[in-house]
Amino acid sequence: MSSATAPARLERLAFAPTDSELLRLQKSLLIFATGLITLATMVWLLLYWLLGPRFPVTPPLLFQLALVGNLALFLKTRNFEFFRITQLGLLLFAPFALQWSMGNFISASGISLWGLLAPIGAVLICSPRESLAWFAAFLFLTALSGAFDLYLVDARPPVLVPVRTSLFFFALNFAAVSCIAYLLLRYATQEKLKARARLEEAHARLQEEQARSERLLLNILPAPVAERLKHEEQPIADGFADVTVMFVDIVGFTHVAEGLAPKQVFAMLNRIFSSFDELAEQHGLEKIKTIGDAYMVAGGLNTATEDYTLAMARLALRMRALLARDAQINDHHLEIRIGIGTGPVVAGVVGKKKFIYDLWGDTVNIASRITAEGVPGMIQVDETTYRRLRSHFRFHAPQQIYLKGKGHTTVYRLAGDEV
């Protein structure tokens, strides 16, 4: 197995997909600490044999084997709780046992200081509260070792260790423990910063997705309705006493579309309806939907525009003028016919999946039918709409047309721009 794949395999063995960020960090720290202490013990043992007296090699070797063996057991069983307790226990008790086997605190050059790594590790790997017990155990063993050294100082045969060697290993033990503690703290801090960065990145992505979903929802529904839909589970249906509804129908679209490829048809409709969307937004009116080659817009569903009937008439004129003069948007010289009606409607969200916001009522039906009865370039309005607009626009003489289900109905044709 190559060295490049060894860390990946170790990660697969040590970490489970369900591990939290904190648990992954705790596992990483304990594995990292095991590697550092095993390496440091080997170096310490080699230097001690080169510079110091020939103490038995069995205890430190057993300590190393226990650390590595316990790590191997964890990688096989993934029982981190057992691994954590036993590994910290080895780090705490083994240095004191090694010191006792070597004589006393002086002759062992303070090797029991290595036991301090257990409570330090407990702070990082367990919790600050759990670490109190480990630190108390370290203090107890330190006090116990001091008491043994004082009590047995005259009973034990002296262990002759050169002063320079003893001082060297005192410094070595303090330096090694300090380095390992520093590296563990540094590693923990780095990993926490990386985890925070990942969390912030994920949060930013989530906010971006939420903003995208919000924009998508606002493209489908009016803003007040979208807000209600996010917080309410019951069906949304509202009655409005006065709404102006307009239908815009592209004349001869089916005939023109027969000679075009599907992509060309879509591109043509998209250019026209996108320009209509911009105009509707400029006038503070609400696009409701498109139905094939028809475009539906309403005013009075929100408070964006006070005189929404007047705004609707201006929108109709601008739509007609846009298609007449802009060849880039209307390269096939299509014409439109428009019908506007004003009155009560019911508005609501239909369905739970692929839902739409729609309007119902006689006002909608009248606006749709007078659109269908129009001719290219014509803007027809019902009587209620006419009464509101007659002081602003010129109209042709009223006409009577027959609408299915309504009978003879009076309509007015908008003659031109505002007077």
Protein backbone atom coordinates (compact mmCIF):
# COMPACT_ATOMS: atom_id res chain seq x y z
CA MET A 1 0.00 0.00 0.00
CA SER A 2 1.45 3.39 -0.98
CA SER A 3 2.03 6.14 1.56
CA ALA A 4 -0.48 8.33 -0.27
CA THR A 5 -3.31 5.92 0.50
CA ALA A 6 -2.32 5.21 4.13
CA PRO A 7 -3.97 8.35 5.62
CA ALA A 8 -7.11 7.71 3.61
CA ARG A 9 -7.31 4.12 4.85
CA LEU A 10 -6.67 5.27 8.43
CA GLU A 11 -9.49 7.79 8.07
CA ARG A 12 -11.87 5.10 6.78
CA LEU A 13 -11.02 2.86 9.72
CA ALA A 14 -11.19 5.55 12.41
CA PHE A 15 -14.16 7.65 11.33
CA ALA A 16 -17.77 6.72 10.73
CA PRO A 17 -19.94 8.67 8.25
CA THR A 18 -22.28 9.60 11.10
CA ASP A 19 -19.52 11.11 13.27
CA SER A 20 -20.05 14.73 14.23
CA GLU A 21 -17.33 17.34 13.69
CA LEU A 22 -16.53 17.26 17.43
CA LEU A 23 -16.22 13.47 17.55
CA ARG A 24 -13.99 13.44 14.46
CA LEU A 25 -11.77 16.05 16.12
CA GLN A 26 -11.56 14.02 19.35
CA LYS A 27 -10.60 10.88 17.46
CA SER A 28 -8.01 12.76 15.41
CA LEU A 29 -6.47 14.28 18.53
CA LEU A 30 -6.12 10.98 20.34
CA ILE A 31 -4.62 9.24 17.31
CA PHE A 32 -2.27 12.19 16.80
CA ALA A 33 -1.28 12.14 20.49
CA THR A 34 -0.62 8.38 20.33
CA GLY A 35 1.74 8.87 17.40
CA LEU A 36 3.57 11.77 19.04
CA ILE A 37 4.03 10.02 22.39
CA THR A 38 5.14 6.75 20.77
CA LEU A 39 7.76 8.58 18.72
CA ALA A 40 8.88 10.68 21.69
CA THR A 41 9.20 7.57 23.87
CA MET A 42 11.45 5.90 21.31
CA VAL A 43 13.69 8.96 21.12
CA TRP A 44 13.75 9.30 24.92
CA LEU A 45 14.67 5.64 25.39
CA LEU A 46 17.45 5.83 22.81
CA LEU A 47 18.96 8.97 24.36
CA TYR A 48 18.70 7.55 27.86
CA TRP A 49 20.59 4.43 26.82
CA LEU A 50 23.22 6.50 25.07
CA LEU A 51 23.76 8.97 27.92
CA GLY A 52 22.44 7.43 31.09
CA PRO A 53 22.54 4.27 33.16
CA ARG A 54 21.26 0.98 31.80
CA PHE A 55 17.74 0.79 33.22
CA PRO A 56 15.51 -2.15 32.17
CA VAL A 57 14.07 -1.58 28.70
CA THR A 58 10.98 -3.72 29.25
CA PRO A 59 8.65 -1.11 30.93
CA PRO A 60 8.96 1.61 28.26
CA LEU A 61 8.67 -0.97 25.49
CA LEU A 62 5.56 -2.40 27.08
CA PHE A 63 4.18 1.13 27.31
CA GLN A 64 4.76 1.66 23.59
CA LEU A 65 3.25 -1.69 22.68
CA ALA A 66 0.21 -0.96 24.85
CA LEU A 67 -0.34 2.42 23.15
CA VAL A 68 -0.01 1.04 19.63
CA GLY A 69 -1.95 -2.13 20.41
CA ASN A 70 -4.79 -0.13 21.91
CA LEU A 71 -4.88 2.03 18.77
CA ALA A 72 -5.01 -1.08 16.58
CA LEU A 73 -7.86 -2.47 18.72
CA PHE A 74 -9.80 0.78 18.26
CA LEU A 75 -9.31 0.76 14.48
CA LYS A 76 -10.72 -2.77 14.43
CA THR A 77 -13.64 -2.34 16.84
CA ARG A 78 -14.29 1.43 16.51
CA ASN A 79 -15.11 1.50 20.22
CA PHE A 80 -13.90 5.03 20.83
CA GLU A 81 -15.17 5.26 24.39
CA PHE A 82 -13.01 2.29 25.46
CA PHE A 83 -10.07 3.60 23.44
CA ARG A 84 -10.33 7.03 25.01
CA ILE A 85 -10.45 5.83 28.62
CA THR A 86 -7.73 3.19 28.28
CA GLN A 87 -5.38 5.40 26.29
CA LEU A 88 -5.67 8.26 28.77
CA GLY A 89 -5.20 5.75 31.59
CA LEU A 90 -1.96 4.50 30.01
CA LEU A 91 -0.75 8.10 29.60
CA LEU A 92 -1.51 8.82 33.24
CA PHE A 93 -0.23 5.71 35.06
CA ALA A 94 2.64 4.47 32.89
CA PRO A 95 4.99 7.44 33.59
CA PHE A 96 4.57 7.02 37.34
CA ALA A 97 5.10 3.26 37.10
CA LEU A 98 8.24 3.87 35.02
CA GLN A 99 9.51 6.42 37.54
CA TRP A 100 8.96 4.02 40.42
CA SER A 101 10.87 1.31 38.55
CA MET A 102 13.78 3.72 37.99
CA GLY A 103 14.07 4.88 41.59
CA ASN A 104 12.75 8.27 42.52
CA PHE A 105 11.86 11.64 41.03
CA ILE A 106 15.50 12.74 40.83
CA SER A 107 17.00 9.57 39.37
CA ALA A 108 14.12 9.32 36.83
CA SER A 109 14.59 12.99 35.86
CA GLY A 110 10.95 13.82 36.55
CA ILE A 111 9.57 11.37 33.99
CA SER A 112 6.25 11.37 35.87
CA LEU A 113 5.64 14.79 34.32
CA TRP A 114 4.56 12.88 31.20
CA GLY A 115 1.45 11.89 33.14
CA LEU A 116 0.29 15.49 32.83
CA LEU A 117 -0.58 14.71 29.20
CA ALA A 118 -3.55 12.66 30.45
CA PRO A 119 -5.54 15.58 31.98
CA ILE A 120 -4.44 17.84 29.10
CA GLY A 121 -5.70 15.24 26.66
CA ALA A 122 -8.90 14.86 28.67
CA VAL A 123 -9.62 18.59 28.26
CA LEU A 124 -9.34 18.23 24.48
CA ILE A 125 -10.75 14.73 23.99
CA CYS A 126 -13.38 14.43 26.74
CA SER A 127 -14.62 17.65 28.29
CA PRO A 128 -13.36 20.25 30.79
CA ARG A 129 -15.59 18.71 33.45
CA GLU A 130 -14.29 15.15 32.90
CA SER A 131 -10.71 16.41 32.85
CA LEU A 132 -11.01 17.44 36.51
CA ALA A 133 -10.97 13.79 37.59
CA TRP A 134 -7.90 13.08 35.45
CA PHE A 135 -6.08 16.13 36.82
CA ALA A 136 -7.00 15.14 40.38
CA ALA A 137 -5.62 11.66 39.70
CA PHE A 138 -2.38 13.17 38.37
CA LEU A 139 -2.02 15.32 41.50
CA PHE A 140 -2.74 12.32 43.72
CA LEU A 141 -0.11 10.16 41.99
CA THR A 142 2.39 13.02 42.16
CA ALA A 143 1.77 13.44 45.88
CA LEU A 144 1.95 9.66 46.36
CA SER A 145 5.27 9.51 44.51
CA GLY A 146 6.63 12.36 46.61
CA ALA A 147 5.57 10.62 49.80
CA PHE A 148 7.20 7.35 48.69
CA ASP A 149 10.38 9.18 47.77
CA LEU A 150 10.52 10.88 51.18
CA TYR A 151 9.65 7.74 53.10
CA LEU A 152 12.01 5.44 51.19
CA VAL A 153 14.85 7.90 50.67
CA ASP A 154 17.00 6.13 53.25
CA ALA A 155 15.79 2.61 52.53
CA ARG A 156 16.55 2.45 48.82
CA PRO A 157 20.06 1.99 47.53
CA PRO A 158 21.18 5.15 45.71
CA VAL A 159 20.94 5.15 41.93
CA LEU A 160 24.03 6.86 40.58
CA VAL A 161 23.08 9.09 37.67
CA PRO A 162 25.56 11.73 36.53
CA VAL A 163 24.35 15.22 37.37
CA ARG A 164 24.72 16.41 33.79
CA THR A 165 22.74 13.44 32.51
CA SER A 166 20.02 14.03 35.09
CA LEU A 167 19.79 17.72 34.23
CA PHE A 168 19.74 16.93 30.51
CA PHE A 169 16.81 14.56 30.92
CA PHE A 170 14.98 16.91 33.26
CA ALA A 171 15.14 19.49 30.48
CA LEU A 172 14.28 16.83 27.89
CA ASN A 173 11.20 15.66 29.80
CA PHE A 174 9.93 19.19 30.35
CA ALA A 175 10.60 20.10 26.71
CA ALA A 176 8.99 16.92 25.34
CA VAL A 177 5.83 17.26 27.43
CA SER A 178 5.61 20.96 26.60
CA CYS A 179 6.05 20.28 22.87
CA ILE A 180 3.45 17.53 22.80
CA ALA A 181 0.98 19.65 24.78
CA TYR A 182 1.61 22.60 22.45
CA LEU A 183 1.26 20.50 19.29
CA LEU A 184 -1.99 19.00 20.54
CA LEU A 185 -3.43 22.40 21.42
CA ARG A 186 -2.25 23.83 18.10
CA TYR A 187 -3.69 20.90 16.17
CA ALA A 188 -7.01 21.17 18.04
CA THR A 189 -7.20 24.91 17.34
CA GLN A 190 -6.37 24.46 13.66
CA GLU A 191 -8.98 21.74 13.26
CA LYS A 192 -11.59 23.86 15.04
CA LEU A 193 -10.81 26.78 12.75
CA LYS A 194 -11.11 24.48 9.72
CA ALA A 195 -14.40 23.12 11.06
CA ARG A 196 -15.64 26.67 11.62
CA ALA A 197 -14.60 27.61 8.09
CA ARG A 198 -16.45 24.57 6.72
CA LEU A 199 -19.49 25.50 8.81
CA GLU A 200 -19.40 29.10 7.60
CA GLU A 201 -19.01 27.91 4.02
CA ALA A 202 -21.93 25.52 4.43
CA HIS A 203 -23.96 28.31 6.06
CA ALA A 204 -23.13 30.64 3.16
CA ARG A 205 -24.18 27.96 0.67
CA LEU A 206 -27.38 27.40 2.64
CA GLN A 207 -28.13 31.12 2.63
CA GLU A 208 -27.44 31.24 -1.09
CA GLU A 209 -29.80 28.32 -1.67
CA GLN A 210 -32.42 29.95 0.55
CA ALA A 211 -32.07 33.21 -1.38
CA ARG A 212 -32.37 31.29 -4.65
CA SER A 213 -35.46 29.47 -3.37
CA GLU A 214 -36.86 32.78 -2.18
CA ARG A 215 -36.32 34.36 -5.60
CA LEU A 216 -37.90 31.35 -7.27
CA LEU A 217 -40.90 31.51 -4.96
CA LEU A 218 -41.30 35.24 -5.59
CA ASN A 219 -41.19 34.55 -9.31
CA ILE A 220 -44.16 32.24 -8.89
CA LEU A 221 -46.18 34.01 -6.19
CA PRO A 222 -46.80 37.57 -5.02
CA ALA A 223 -44.54 38.44 -2.08
CA PRO A 224 -47.32 38.52 0.61
CA VAL A 225 -48.67 35.18 -0.60
CA ALA A 226 -45.20 33.62 -0.67
CA GLU A 227 -44.64 34.76 2.92
CA ARG A 228 -47.94 33.26 4.03
CA LEU A 229 -47.24 30.01 2.21
CA LYS A 230 -43.97 29.60 4.16
CA HIS A 231 -45.75 29.92 7.50
CA GLU A 232 -49.22 28.50 6.90
CA GLU A 233 -50.31 25.00 6.03
CA GLN A 234 -53.96 25.66 5.26
CA PRO A 235 -55.06 26.52 1.70
CA ILE A 236 -54.61 30.17 0.72
CA ALA A 237 -57.72 31.75 -0.79
CA ASP A 238 -58.66 35.44 -0.54
CA GLY A 239 -61.55 37.47 -1.81
CA PHE A 240 -60.84 40.90 -3.31
CA ALA A 241 -63.71 43.31 -3.85
CA ASP A 242 -61.98 45.29 -6.57
CA VAL A 243 -59.23 44.05 -8.90
CA THR A 244 -58.33 45.01 -12.45
CA VAL A 245 -57.48 42.00 -14.63
CA MET A 246 -55.88 42.13 -18.06
CA PHE A 247 -55.32 39.44 -20.68
CA VAL A 248 -52.89 39.92 -23.55
CA ASP A 249 -53.26 37.53 -26.46
CA ILE A 250 -50.74 37.20 -29.30
CA VAL A 251 -52.64 37.19 -32.59
CA GLY A 252 -51.75 34.52 -35.12
CA PHE A 253 -49.14 32.97 -32.93
CA THR A 254 -50.13 29.38 -33.78
CA HIS A 255 -49.78 30.04 -37.50
CA VAL A 256 -46.35 31.67 -37.07
CA ALA A 257 -45.15 28.92 -34.73
CA GLU A 258 -45.90 26.20 -37.28
CA GLY A 259 -42.95 27.27 -39.42
CA LEU A 260 -40.47 27.49 -36.53
CA ALA A 261 -38.39 25.00 -34.58
CA PRO A 262 -39.42 24.44 -30.91
CA LYS A 263 -36.37 26.38 -29.67
CA GLN A 264 -37.25 29.31 -31.91
CA VAL A 265 -40.84 29.31 -30.62
CA PHE A 266 -39.63 29.29 -27.04
CA ALA A 267 -37.09 32.05 -27.71
CA MET A 268 -39.74 34.23 -29.35
CA LEU A 269 -42.22 33.84 -26.50
CA ASN A 270 -39.50 34.31 -23.90
CA ARG A 271 -38.38 37.62 -25.43
CA ILE A 272 -41.93 38.98 -25.59
CA PHE A 273 -43.11 37.80 -22.18
CA SER A 274 -39.86 38.81 -20.46
CA SER A 275 -40.32 42.34 -21.77
CA PHE A 276 -43.91 42.24 -20.52
CA ASP A 277 -42.65 41.15 -17.10
CA GLU A 278 -40.36 44.17 -16.90
CA LEU A 279 -43.14 46.55 -17.89
CA ALA A 280 -45.57 45.04 -15.37
CA GLU A 281 -43.00 45.40 -12.60
CA GLN A 282 -42.37 49.03 -13.56
CA HIS A 283 -46.09 49.78 -13.20
CA GLY A 284 -46.40 47.95 -9.86
CA LEU A 285 -48.72 45.29 -11.26
CA GLU A 286 -48.71 41.55 -10.60
CA LYS A 287 -48.10 39.04 -13.35
CA ILE A 288 -50.35 36.06 -12.68
CA LYS A 289 -49.41 33.53 -15.35
CA THR A 290 -48.93 32.78 -19.01
CA ILE A 291 -51.28 30.39 -20.79
CA GLY A 292 -49.74 29.32 -24.07
CA ASP A 293 -49.49 32.56 -26.04
CA ALA A 294 -51.64 34.55 -23.56
CA TYR A 295 -50.35 36.73 -20.73
CA MET A 296 -52.37 37.55 -17.61
CA VAL A 297 -51.67 40.42 -15.21
CA ALA A 298 -53.66 41.94 -12.31
CA GLY A 299 -53.69 45.10 -10.22
CA GLY A 300 -55.22 45.64 -6.78
CA LEU A 301 -53.84 42.50 -5.17
CA ASN A 302 -51.27 44.53 -3.27
CA THR A 303 -50.69 48.12 -2.24
CA ALA A 304 -47.80 48.78 -4.64
CA THR A 305 -49.99 50.95 -6.89
CA GLU A 306 -52.95 52.98 -5.66
CA ASP A 307 -54.59 53.67 -9.03
CA TYR A 308 -54.02 50.24 -10.48
CA THR A 309 -56.71 50.57 -13.15
CA LEU A 310 -54.95 53.61 -14.63
CA ALA A 311 -51.60 51.78 -14.35
CA MET A 312 -53.11 48.81 -16.19
CA ALA A 313 -54.24 50.96 -19.11
CA ARG A 314 -50.80 52.56 -19.36
CA LEU A 315 -49.24 49.09 -19.29
CA ALA A 316 -51.50 47.92 -22.11
CA LEU A 317 -50.49 50.89 -24.28
CA ARG A 318 -46.80 50.35 -23.60
CA MET A 319 -47.05 46.65 -24.44
CA ARG A 320 -48.71 47.41 -27.73
CA ALA A 321 -46.20 50.14 -28.56
CA LEU A 322 -43.25 47.94 -27.63
CA LEU A 323 -44.20 45.19 -30.05
CA ALA A 324 -44.92 47.72 -32.78
CA ARG A 325 -41.52 49.45 -32.64
CA ASP A 326 -39.00 46.93 -31.29
CA ALA A 327 -37.98 44.46 -34.00
CA GLN A 328 -35.43 42.76 -31.76
CA ILE A 329 -38.17 41.62 -29.38
CA ASN A 330 -40.83 41.13 -32.04
CA ASP A 331 -38.88 40.02 -35.10
CA HIS A 332 -41.95 38.31 -36.58
CA HIS A 333 -44.09 41.49 -36.34
CA LEU A 334 -46.70 39.84 -34.18
CA GLU A 335 -49.69 41.84 -32.93
CA ILE A 336 -51.64 41.58 -29.72
CA ARG A 337 -55.19 42.09 -28.57
CA ILE A 338 -55.97 43.07 -25.00
CA GLY A 339 -58.99 42.83 -22.71
CA ILE A 340 -59.32 44.54 -19.31
CA GLY A 341 -61.97 43.93 -16.67
CA THR A 342 -62.46 45.33 -13.16
CA GLY A 343 -64.43 43.86 -10.28
CA PRO A 344 -64.38 41.27 -7.52
CA VAL A 345 -62.19 38.17 -7.75
CA VAL A 346 -61.13 35.22 -5.67
CA ALA A 347 -57.36 34.64 -5.56
CA GLY A 348 -55.46 31.72 -4.14
CA VAL A 349 -52.84 29.04 -4.47
CA VAL A 350 -53.94 25.94 -6.33
CA GLY A 351 -52.51 22.55 -5.38
CA LYS A 352 -49.65 21.40 -3.16
CA LYS A 353 -47.19 20.41 -5.88
CA LYS A 354 -46.24 22.55 -8.87
CA PHE A 355 -48.71 25.05 -7.46
CA ILE A 356 -49.69 28.35 -9.06
CA TYR A 357 -51.34 31.53 -7.86
CA ASP A 358 -54.53 32.12 -9.84
CA LEU A 359 -57.66 34.26 -10.01
CA TRP A 360 -61.31 33.25 -10.47
CA GLY A 361 -64.61 35.03 -10.93
CA ASP A 362 -66.77 36.91 -13.42
CA THR A 363 -64.19 39.68 -13.68
CA VAL A 364 -61.61 37.20 -14.92
CA ASN A 365 -64.05 35.58 -17.33
CA ILE A 366 -65.13 38.94 -18.79
CA ALA A 367 -61.54 40.11 -19.29
CA SER A 368 -60.66 36.84 -21.01
CA ARG A 369 -63.70 36.84 -23.29
CA ILE A 370 -63.51 40.45 -24.42
CA THR A 371 -59.86 39.75 -25.28
CA ALA A 372 -60.91 36.86 -27.51
CA GLU A 373 -63.56 39.06 -29.19
CA GLY A 374 -61.03 41.76 -30.05
CA VAL A 375 -59.08 42.37 -33.23
CA PRO A 376 -55.28 42.86 -33.63
CA GLY A 377 -54.08 46.01 -31.89
CA MET A 378 -57.34 46.50 -29.99
CA ILE A 379 -57.56 47.24 -26.25
CA GLN A 380 -61.09 46.55 -24.99
CA VAL A 381 -62.36 47.27 -21.47
CA ASP A 382 -65.55 46.55 -19.57
CA GLU A 383 -67.91 49.21 -18.28
CA THR A 384 -66.41 49.48 -14.78
CA THR A 385 -62.94 49.99 -16.20
CA TYR A 386 -64.25 52.55 -18.69
CA ARG A 387 -65.82 54.68 -15.94
CA ARG A 388 -62.49 54.88 -14.14
CA LEU A 389 -60.48 55.71 -17.24
CA ARG A 390 -62.79 57.97 -19.29
CA SER A 391 -61.30 61.13 -17.80
CA HIS A 392 -57.78 59.99 -18.70
CA PHE A 393 -58.16 58.43 -22.15
CA ARG A 394 -60.21 58.77 -25.31
CA PHE A 395 -62.52 55.87 -26.13
CA HIS A 396 -64.49 54.88 -29.17
CA ALA A 397 -68.26 54.62 -28.93
CA PRO A 398 -69.51 51.74 -26.81
CA GLN A 399 -70.27 48.45 -28.49
CA GLN A 400 -72.48 45.56 -27.62
CA ILE A 401 -70.96 42.11 -27.95
CA TYR A 402 -72.39 38.76 -27.05
CA LEU A 403 -70.43 36.80 -24.42
CA LYS A 404 -71.30 33.19 -23.71
CA GLY A 405 -72.84 32.88 -20.28
CA LYS A 406 -73.19 36.67 -19.90
CA GLY A 407 -75.34 37.65 -22.85
CA HIS A 408 -75.00 41.06 -24.47
CA THR A 409 -72.26 43.04 -22.80
CA THR A 410 -71.14 46.64 -23.32
CA VAL A 411 -67.44 47.11 -24.03
CA TYR A 412 -65.31 50.14 -24.84
CA ARG A 413 -62.27 50.29 -27.07
CA LEU A 414 -59.37 52.45 -25.98
CA ALA A 415 -58.70 54.98 -28.77
CA GLY A 416 -55.18 56.22 -27.84
CA ASP A 417 -52.85 57.74 -25.31
CA GLU A 418 -53.83 59.81 -22.31
CA VAL A 419 -55.61 63.10 -22.88
